[in-house]
Amino acid sequence: MLIKDFARLVGVSEDTVINWEMRGRKPSQQSREKLTETLRRVFGKELGW
């Protein structure tokens, strides 16, 4: 999955994802909640969650 696609799913900018991935920035509480929701929705189906 491309960064732009992941950012769109989570509802943040591409720069935000790059900051998390490459610059060691930590997501805010709100972003962590969005990340959790998105990962469960996207990968939960594949993993049977």
N, C-alpha and C. Protein backbone atom coordinates (compact mmCIF):
# COMPACT_ATOMS: atom_id res chain seq x y z
N MET A 1 0.85 -1.17 0.00
CA MET A 1 0.00 0.00 0.00
C MET A 1 0.90 1.24 0.00
N LEU A 2 0.55 2.19 -0.80
CA LEU A 2 1.31 3.43 -0.88
C LEU A 2 1.01 4.33 0.31
N ILE A 3 1.97 5.18 0.64
CA ILE A 3 1.79 6.11 1.76
C ILE A 3 0.55 6.97 1.56
N LYS A 4 0.34 7.44 0.33
CA LYS A 4 -0.82 8.31 0.09
C LYS A 4 -2.13 7.56 0.32
N ASP A 5 -2.18 6.28 -0.02
CA ASP A 5 -3.39 5.49 0.20
C ASP A 5 -3.63 5.25 1.68
N PHE A 6 -2.55 4.92 2.40
CA PHE A 6 -2.67 4.70 3.83
C PHE A 6 -3.09 5.98 4.54
N ALA A 7 -2.49 7.10 4.16
CA ALA A 7 -2.84 8.39 4.76
C ALA A 7 -4.32 8.70 4.55
N ARG A 8 -4.79 8.45 3.35
CA ARG A 8 -6.21 8.70 3.05
C ARG A 8 -7.12 7.84 3.92
N LEU A 9 -6.76 6.56 4.08
CA LEU A 9 -7.56 5.66 4.91
C LEU A 9 -7.62 6.12 6.37
N VAL A 10 -6.48 6.58 6.87
CA VAL A 10 -6.40 7.00 8.27
C VAL A 10 -6.97 8.40 8.47
N GLY A 11 -6.99 9.19 7.40
CA GLY A 11 -7.53 10.55 7.49
C GLY A 11 -6.49 11.58 7.90
N VAL A 12 -5.23 11.33 7.50
CA VAL A 12 -4.15 12.28 7.78
C VAL A 12 -3.43 12.58 6.47
N SER A 13 -2.50 13.52 6.52
CA SER A 13 -1.75 13.87 5.31
C SER A 13 -0.61 12.88 5.08
N GLU A 14 -0.11 12.88 3.86
CA GLU A 14 1.05 12.05 3.54
C GLU A 14 2.25 12.46 4.39
N ASP A 15 2.40 13.77 4.59
CA ASP A 15 3.51 14.26 5.42
C ASP A 15 3.44 13.72 6.84
N THR A 16 2.24 13.59 7.36
CA THR A 16 2.08 13.05 8.71
C THR A 16 2.57 11.61 8.78
N VAL A 17 2.19 10.80 7.81
CA VAL A 17 2.64 9.41 7.79
C VAL A 17 4.15 9.34 7.64
N ILE A 18 4.71 10.19 6.79
CA ILE A 18 6.17 10.23 6.63
C ILE A 18 6.84 10.61 7.94
N ASN A 19 6.26 11.55 8.67
CA ASN A 19 6.81 11.93 9.97
C ASN A 19 6.82 10.73 10.93
N TRP A 20 5.78 9.94 10.92
CA TRP A 20 5.73 8.75 11.78
C TRP A 20 6.76 7.73 11.35
N GLU A 21 6.80 7.49 10.05
CA GLU A 21 7.64 6.42 9.51
C GLU A 21 9.12 6.74 9.51
N MET A 22 9.47 7.92 9.07
CA MET A 22 10.87 8.21 8.78
C MET A 22 11.52 9.21 9.73
N ARG A 23 10.70 9.96 10.42
CA ARG A 23 11.27 11.01 11.27
C ARG A 23 11.08 10.72 12.76
N GLY A 24 10.53 9.55 13.05
CA GLY A 24 10.41 9.13 14.44
C GLY A 24 9.39 9.87 15.27
N ARG A 25 8.49 10.58 14.61
CA ARG A 25 7.43 11.28 15.34
C ARG A 25 6.38 10.28 15.79
N LYS A 26 5.79 10.55 16.93
CA LYS A 26 4.74 9.67 17.44
C LYS A 26 3.37 10.28 17.12
N PRO A 27 2.42 9.43 16.75
CA PRO A 27 1.08 9.93 16.45
C PRO A 27 0.40 10.48 17.71
N SER A 28 -0.45 11.46 17.52
CA SER A 28 -1.25 11.98 18.63
C SER A 28 -2.25 10.92 19.07
N GLN A 29 -2.86 11.14 20.21
CA GLN A 29 -3.87 10.20 20.71
C GLN A 29 -4.98 10.00 19.68
N GLN A 30 -5.44 11.09 19.09
CA GLN A 30 -6.51 11.01 18.09
C GLN A 30 -6.04 10.20 16.88
N SER A 31 -4.82 10.43 16.44
CA SER A 31 -4.29 9.68 15.30
C SER A 31 -4.10 8.21 15.64
N ARG A 32 -3.67 7.91 16.87
CA ARG A 32 -3.52 6.51 17.27
C ARG A 32 -4.87 5.79 17.24
N GLU A 33 -5.91 6.48 17.65
CA GLU A 33 -7.25 5.89 17.60
C GLU A 33 -7.66 5.63 16.15
N LYS A 34 -7.39 6.58 15.27
CA LYS A 34 -7.71 6.40 13.85
C LYS A 34 -6.89 5.25 13.25
N LEU A 35 -5.61 5.18 13.63
CA LEU A 35 -4.75 4.09 13.16
C LEU A 35 -5.31 2.74 13.59
N THR A 36 -5.67 2.64 14.85
CA THR A 36 -6.21 1.38 15.37
C THR A 36 -7.47 0.98 14.62
N GLU A 37 -8.39 1.93 14.46
CA GLU A 37 -9.63 1.66 13.71
C GLU A 37 -9.34 1.19 12.29
N THR A 38 -8.46 1.90 11.62
CA THR A 38 -8.13 1.59 10.23
C THR A 38 -7.49 0.23 10.10
N LEU A 39 -6.51 -0.06 10.95
CA LEU A 39 -5.83 -1.36 10.87
C LEU A 39 -6.78 -2.50 11.17
N ARG A 40 -7.67 -2.32 12.13
CA ARG A 40 -8.66 -3.37 12.42
C ARG A 40 -9.60 -3.57 11.24
N ARG A 41 -10.02 -2.46 10.64
CA ARG A 41 -10.96 -2.55 9.51
C ARG A 41 -10.30 -3.20 8.30
N VAL A 42 -9.07 -2.80 7.98
CA VAL A 42 -8.39 -3.28 6.78
C VAL A 42 -7.87 -4.70 6.96
N PHE A 43 -7.16 -4.93 8.07
CA PHE A 43 -6.51 -6.23 8.24
C PHE A 43 -7.35 -7.21 9.05
N GLY A 44 -8.31 -6.71 9.78
CA GLY A 44 -9.16 -7.59 10.57
C GLY A 44 -9.93 -8.57 9.72
N LYS A 45 -10.37 -8.13 8.57
CA LYS A 45 -11.10 -9.01 7.65
C LYS A 45 -10.21 -10.17 7.22
N GLU A 46 -8.95 -9.85 6.91
CA GLU A 46 -8.02 -10.88 6.46
C GLU A 46 -7.64 -11.83 7.58
N LEU A 47 -7.58 -11.31 8.81
CA LEU A 47 -7.14 -12.12 9.94
C LEU A 47 -8.29 -12.71 10.73
N GLY A 48 -9.51 -12.40 10.32
CA GLY A 48 -10.69 -12.93 10.99
C GLY A 48 -10.98 -12.30 12.34
N TRP A 49 -10.61 -11.02 12.52
CA TRP A 49 -10.88 -10.33 13.79
C TRP A 49 -12.29 -9.84 13.84
